[in-house]
């Protein structure tokens, strides 16, 4: 699987249109940005900037790690939104990044806040772990999750991985060590939860792995189903999952979630 963040981003950009041909989407993957370096930089062309309310929110965080993660997630979200507009709505002038505000709903889910009609209908998902943040913007319900490998995953695996799911992963991903396999499943389920649970997220064990399709040595497709089924669920949730360095990264696009109308 890809070894660098840049190669991972390029792979996902090419593969999204193949795995999810009926959806429009753009994503971003960025190393964590230092808030101090960001705030003291001289803005240049193409620099992602925060609006005044976002700068105030950044200032309210006191823990350095949380400040950096929050900032990098916002930068990723604005990058992904700008790229979406550039690719799929080229007839519109590209707005300044400060005019694309990212706010949180009462549920905590991030949302794009902009006067542009082309932006108001988009769904957004943000994730961060270790030294990276990632964001996914789509015209449909979407979810993204990135997670650094952790020695705790085997100890808590009963919270998100059933015995038959572990067998499926081991059978179809035999070259992966147990922790990376578990991490792929964790990120797949977390991304799926974000996509289908705008108002109420399903539990990890309610999303059941039915198939694992390692389509190449670059990525795998994990097929999940929600059990018990909610009203009018998507029959299958197809998760595009890959790895780089010591991270797993999963994305999902679906008509079955609760994206904006």
Protein backbone atom coordinates (compact mmCIF):
# COMPACT_ATOMS: atom_id res chain seq x y z
CA UNK A 1 0.00 0.00 0.00
CA UNK A 2 1.17 3.62 -0.48
CA UNK A 3 4.07 4.64 1.73
CA UNK A 4 3.72 8.43 1.73
CA UNK A 5 0.84 10.84 2.43
CA UNK A 6 1.21 12.38 -1.04
CA UNK A 7 0.97 8.98 -2.73
CA UNK A 8 -2.01 8.09 -0.54
CA UNK A 9 -3.85 11.28 -1.46
CA UNK A 10 -3.17 10.74 -5.16
CA UNK A 11 -4.39 7.14 -4.96
CA UNK A 12 -7.61 8.11 -3.21
CA UNK A 13 -8.31 10.97 -5.62
CA UNK A 14 -8.01 8.56 -8.56
CA UNK A 15 -9.89 5.72 -6.90
CA UNK A 16 -12.87 7.62 -5.47
CA UNK A 17 -14.32 8.17 -8.94
CA UNK A 18 -13.97 4.46 -9.71
CA UNK A 19 -15.38 3.05 -6.47
CA UNK A 20 -18.09 5.73 -6.12
CA UNK A 21 -18.86 6.79 -9.72
CA UNK A 22 -22.27 8.26 -8.82
CA UNK A 23 -20.84 10.72 -6.27
CA UNK A 24 -18.77 13.89 -6.50
CA UNK A 25 -16.14 14.29 -3.81
CA UNK A 26 -12.85 15.92 -2.94
CA UNK A 27 -10.49 15.24 -0.06
CA UNK A 28 -7.43 16.60 1.68
CA UNK A 29 -4.68 15.01 3.77
CA UNK A 30 -2.26 17.30 5.60
CA UNK A 31 0.45 17.01 8.22
CA UNK A 32 -0.41 18.79 11.46
CA UNK A 33 0.18 22.53 11.25
CA UNK A 34 1.74 24.46 14.14
CA UNK A 35 -0.72 27.16 15.28
CA UNK A 36 2.16 29.46 16.25
CA UNK A 37 3.76 29.15 12.81
CA UNK A 38 0.40 29.59 11.13
CA UNK A 39 -0.51 32.73 13.08
CA UNK A 40 2.84 34.42 12.46
CA UNK A 41 3.13 33.64 8.75
CA UNK A 42 2.73 36.30 6.10
CA UNK A 43 -0.31 35.31 4.01
CA UNK A 44 0.58 34.51 0.41
CA UNK A 45 -1.42 33.54 -2.64
CA UNK A 46 -3.15 30.25 -2.04
CA UNK A 47 -2.72 30.37 1.74
CA UNK A 48 -5.67 28.90 3.63
CA UNK A 49 -6.94 31.54 6.05
CA UNK A 50 -9.42 31.43 8.91
CA UNK A 51 -12.30 33.85 9.39
CA UNK A 52 -12.36 35.96 12.55
CA UNK A 53 -14.84 33.66 14.40
CA UNK A 54 -12.61 30.70 13.58
CA UNK A 55 -9.54 32.53 14.87
CA UNK A 56 -11.45 33.21 18.08
CA UNK A 57 -12.28 29.52 18.43
CA UNK A 58 -8.64 28.60 17.85
CA UNK A 59 -7.60 31.04 20.59
CA UNK A 60 -10.04 29.40 23.01
CA UNK A 61 -8.12 26.11 22.93
CA UNK A 62 -5.31 25.95 25.46
CA UNK A 63 -3.92 22.45 24.97
CA UNK A 64 -1.23 22.57 22.22
CA UNK A 65 -2.20 19.20 20.71
CA UNK A 66 -5.89 20.10 20.53
CA UNK A 67 -5.09 23.53 19.03
CA UNK A 68 -2.95 21.95 16.31
CA UNK A 69 -5.49 19.24 15.49
CA UNK A 70 -8.38 21.69 15.34
CA UNK A 71 -6.47 24.10 13.11
CA UNK A 72 -5.25 21.39 10.74
CA UNK A 73 -8.74 19.91 10.46
CA UNK A 74 -10.10 23.32 9.44
CA UNK A 75 -7.32 23.81 6.91
CA UNK A 76 -8.04 20.38 5.43
CA UNK A 77 -11.77 21.10 5.26
CA UNK A 78 -11.22 24.41 3.45
CA UNK A 79 -8.72 22.80 1.07
CA UNK A 80 -11.15 20.00 0.23
CA UNK A 81 -14.03 22.46 -0.25
CA UNK A 82 -12.00 24.73 -2.53
CA UNK A 83 -10.82 21.74 -4.56
CA UNK A 84 -14.42 20.51 -4.89
CA UNK A 85 -15.55 23.89 -6.21
CA UNK A 86 -12.58 24.13 -8.57
CA UNK A 87 -13.25 20.70 -10.06
CA UNK A 88 -17.01 20.41 -10.05
CA UNK A 89 -18.30 24.02 -10.13
CA UNK A 90 -15.67 25.68 -12.35
CA UNK A 91 -18.13 28.28 -13.65
CA UNK A 92 -18.15 30.02 -10.26
CA UNK A 93 -15.33 32.28 -9.06
CA UNK A 94 -13.37 30.46 -6.38
CA UNK A 95 -14.15 32.10 -3.02
CA UNK A 96 -11.50 33.18 -0.56
CA UNK A 97 -10.83 30.50 2.04
CA UNK A 98 -11.86 32.88 4.85
CA UNK A 99 -15.32 32.98 3.24
CA UNK A 100 -15.65 29.20 3.65
CA UNK A 101 -16.32 28.86 7.35
CA UNK A 102 -16.37 25.52 9.15
CA UNK A 103 -18.66 25.35 12.16
CA UNK A 104 -19.93 22.54 14.36
CA UNK A 105 -23.54 21.45 14.66
CA UNK A 106 -24.94 20.78 18.15
CA UNK A 107 -24.10 17.10 17.57
CA UNK A 108 -20.45 18.07 17.08
CA UNK A 109 -20.46 17.19 13.39
CA UNK A 110 -18.63 19.76 11.23
CA UNK A 111 -20.56 21.73 8.63
CA UNK A 112 -19.59 24.13 5.86
CA UNK A 113 -21.05 27.58 6.45
CA UNK A 114 -20.99 29.83 3.40
CA UNK A 115 -23.33 32.21 1.57
CA UNK A 116 -22.60 30.32 -1.66
CA UNK A 117 -25.50 28.06 -2.69
CA UNK A 118 -23.04 25.65 -4.30
CA UNK A 119 -21.41 25.08 -0.92
CA UNK A 120 -24.46 24.88 1.34
CA UNK A 121 -25.53 21.52 -0.09
CA UNK A 122 -22.22 19.77 0.58
CA UNK A 123 -21.47 17.28 3.32
CA UNK A 124 -18.22 17.39 5.27
CA UNK A 125 -16.27 14.93 7.38
CA UNK A 126 -13.03 15.63 9.27
CA UNK A 127 -10.64 13.31 11.09
CA UNK A 128 -7.23 13.60 12.73
CA UNK A 129 -4.77 11.27 14.41
CA UNK A 130 -1.10 11.40 15.28
CA UNK A 131 0.59 13.89 12.99
CA UNK A 132 -2.11 14.12 10.30
CA UNK A 133 -5.57 15.44 9.58
CA UNK A 134 -7.90 14.57 6.71
CA UNK A 135 -11.15 15.97 5.35
CA UNK A 136 -13.72 14.77 2.81
CA UNK A 137 -16.28 16.97 1.03
CA UNK A 138 -19.07 15.45 -1.04
CA UNK A 139 -22.41 16.12 -2.66
CA UNK A 140 -23.69 13.07 -0.75
CA UNK A 141 -23.40 11.77 2.81
CA UNK A 142 -19.75 11.04 3.51
CA UNK A 143 -17.35 9.90 6.16
CA UNK A 144 -13.57 9.83 6.57
CA UNK A 145 -11.38 8.48 9.34
CA UNK A 146 -7.64 8.35 9.87
CA UNK A 147 -6.07 6.48 12.76
CA UNK A 148 -2.51 5.78 13.82
CA UNK A 149 -1.72 2.17 14.74
CA UNK A 150 -2.00 1.55 18.46
CA UNK A 151 -1.00 -1.33 20.70
CA UNK A 152 -4.36 -0.94 22.48
CA UNK A 153 -6.40 -2.10 19.46
CA UNK A 154 -6.11 -5.84 20.24
CA UNK A 155 -7.08 -5.22 23.86
CA UNK A 156 -10.29 -3.39 22.91
CA UNK A 157 -11.06 -5.35 19.74
CA UNK A 158 -14.20 -6.89 21.30
CA UNK A 159 -15.75 -3.41 21.25
CA UNK A 160 -15.66 -3.15 17.46
CA UNK A 161 -14.62 -6.48 15.93
CA UNK A 162 -16.60 -9.72 16.09
CA UNK A 163 -14.91 -13.11 15.69
CA UNK A 164 -16.20 -13.71 12.17
CA UNK A 165 -15.03 -10.21 11.13
CA UNK A 166 -11.51 -10.98 12.35
CA UNK A 167 -11.60 -14.20 10.32
CA UNK A 168 -12.66 -12.32 7.18
CA UNK A 169 -9.82 -9.84 7.60
CA UNK A 170 -7.24 -12.54 8.26
CA UNK A 171 -8.40 -14.56 5.24
CA UNK A 172 -8.36 -11.66 2.77
CA UNK A 173 -5.50 -9.58 4.19
CA UNK A 174 -3.00 -12.29 5.21
CA UNK A 175 0.03 -10.06 4.59
CA UNK A 176 -1.10 -7.53 7.18
CA UNK A 177 -0.16 -7.87 10.82
CA UNK A 178 -3.06 -8.04 13.34
CA UNK A 179 -2.87 -4.39 14.44
CA UNK A 180 -3.00 -2.93 10.90
CA UNK A 181 -5.89 -5.27 10.07
CA UNK A 182 -7.81 -4.15 13.15
CA UNK A 183 -6.98 -0.54 12.39
CA UNK A 184 -8.40 -0.83 8.88
CA UNK A 185 -11.63 -2.19 10.34
CA UNK A 186 -11.74 0.53 13.01
CA UNK A 187 -11.35 3.35 10.49
CA UNK A 188 -13.84 1.71 8.10
CA UNK A 189 -16.49 1.53 10.81
CA UNK A 190 -15.73 5.03 12.09
CA UNK A 191 -16.02 6.48 8.57
CA UNK A 192 -19.29 4.58 8.05
CA UNK A 193 -20.69 5.81 11.37
CA UNK A 194 -20.05 9.39 10.30
CA UNK A 195 -21.71 8.85 6.92
CA UNK A 196 -24.93 7.22 8.16
CA UNK A 197 -25.23 8.83 11.59
CA UNK A 198 -25.65 12.53 11.11
CA UNK A 199 -28.22 12.66 13.93
CA UNK A 200 -27.39 9.46 15.82
CA UNK A 201 -24.34 7.32 15.18
CA UNK A 202 -24.74 3.53 15.18
CA UNK A 203 -22.51 1.52 17.49
CA UNK A 204 -19.37 -0.13 16.16
CA UNK A 205 -20.88 -3.60 16.59
CA UNK A 206 -24.04 -2.54 14.74
CA UNK A 207 -21.93 -2.15 11.60
CA UNK A 208 -21.01 -5.65 10.51
CA UNK A 209 -18.26 -6.57 8.05
CA UNK A 210 -19.67 -8.83 5.34
CA UNK A 211 -16.91 -8.78 2.74
CA UNK A 212 -13.34 -7.65 2.31
CA UNK A 213 -12.10 -7.17 -1.24
CA UNK A 214 -8.38 -6.44 -1.51
CA UNK A 215 -8.62 -5.13 -5.07
CA UNK A 216 -4.88 -4.46 -5.25
CA UNK A 217 -1.89 -4.05 -2.99
CA UNK A 218 -2.82 -0.35 -2.84
CA UNK A 219 -6.22 -0.43 -1.18
CA UNK A 220 -9.07 -2.66 -0.05
CA UNK A 221 -12.84 -2.36 -0.16
CA UNK A 222 -14.65 -3.34 3.03
CA UNK A 223 -18.38 -3.94 2.73
CA UNK A 224 -20.39 -3.24 5.89
CA UNK A 225 -24.07 -3.67 6.69
CA UNK A 226 -25.99 -2.07 9.50
CA UNK A 227 -27.64 -4.50 11.91
CA UNK A 228 -30.31 -3.96 13.08
CA UNK A 229 -31.29 -2.14 9.91
CA UNK A 230 -32.63 1.41 10.23
CA UNK A 231 -35.54 2.57 8.05
CA UNK A 232 -34.53 2.63 4.40
CA UNK A 233 -30.84 1.85 4.91
CA UNK A 234 -28.32 1.44 2.12
CA UNK A 235 -28.01 -2.26 1.42
CA UNK A 236 -24.22 -2.13 1.50
CA UNK A 237 -21.78 0.44 2.79
CA UNK A 238 -18.67 0.24 0.64
CA UNK A 239 -15.59 1.58 2.40
CA UNK A 240 -12.42 2.46 0.51
CA UNK A 241 -9.57 1.70 2.92
CA UNK A 242 -5.82 2.11 2.58
CA UNK A 243 -2.68 2.54 4.63
CA UNK A 244 0.45 4.68 4.67
CA UNK A 245 3.31 4.52 7.16
CA UNK A 246 1.63 3.50 10.45
CA UNK A 247 -1.80 4.89 9.62
CA UNK A 248 -5.06 3.52 8.28
CA UNK A 249 -7.35 5.78 6.28
CA UNK A 250 -10.92 4.99 5.21
CA UNK A 251 -13.52 6.92 3.20
CA UNK A 252 -17.15 6.25 2.33
CA UNK A 253 -19.71 7.99 0.13
CA UNK A 254 -23.32 6.95 0.27
CA UNK A 255 -26.87 7.99 -0.54
CA UNK A 256 -28.04 6.37 2.65
CA UNK A 257 -26.91 8.95 5.18
CA UNK A 258 -28.33 12.28 6.22
CA UNK A 259 -26.48 14.78 4.09
CA UNK A 260 -28.00 18.13 3.36
CA UNK A 261 -30.82 18.21 0.88
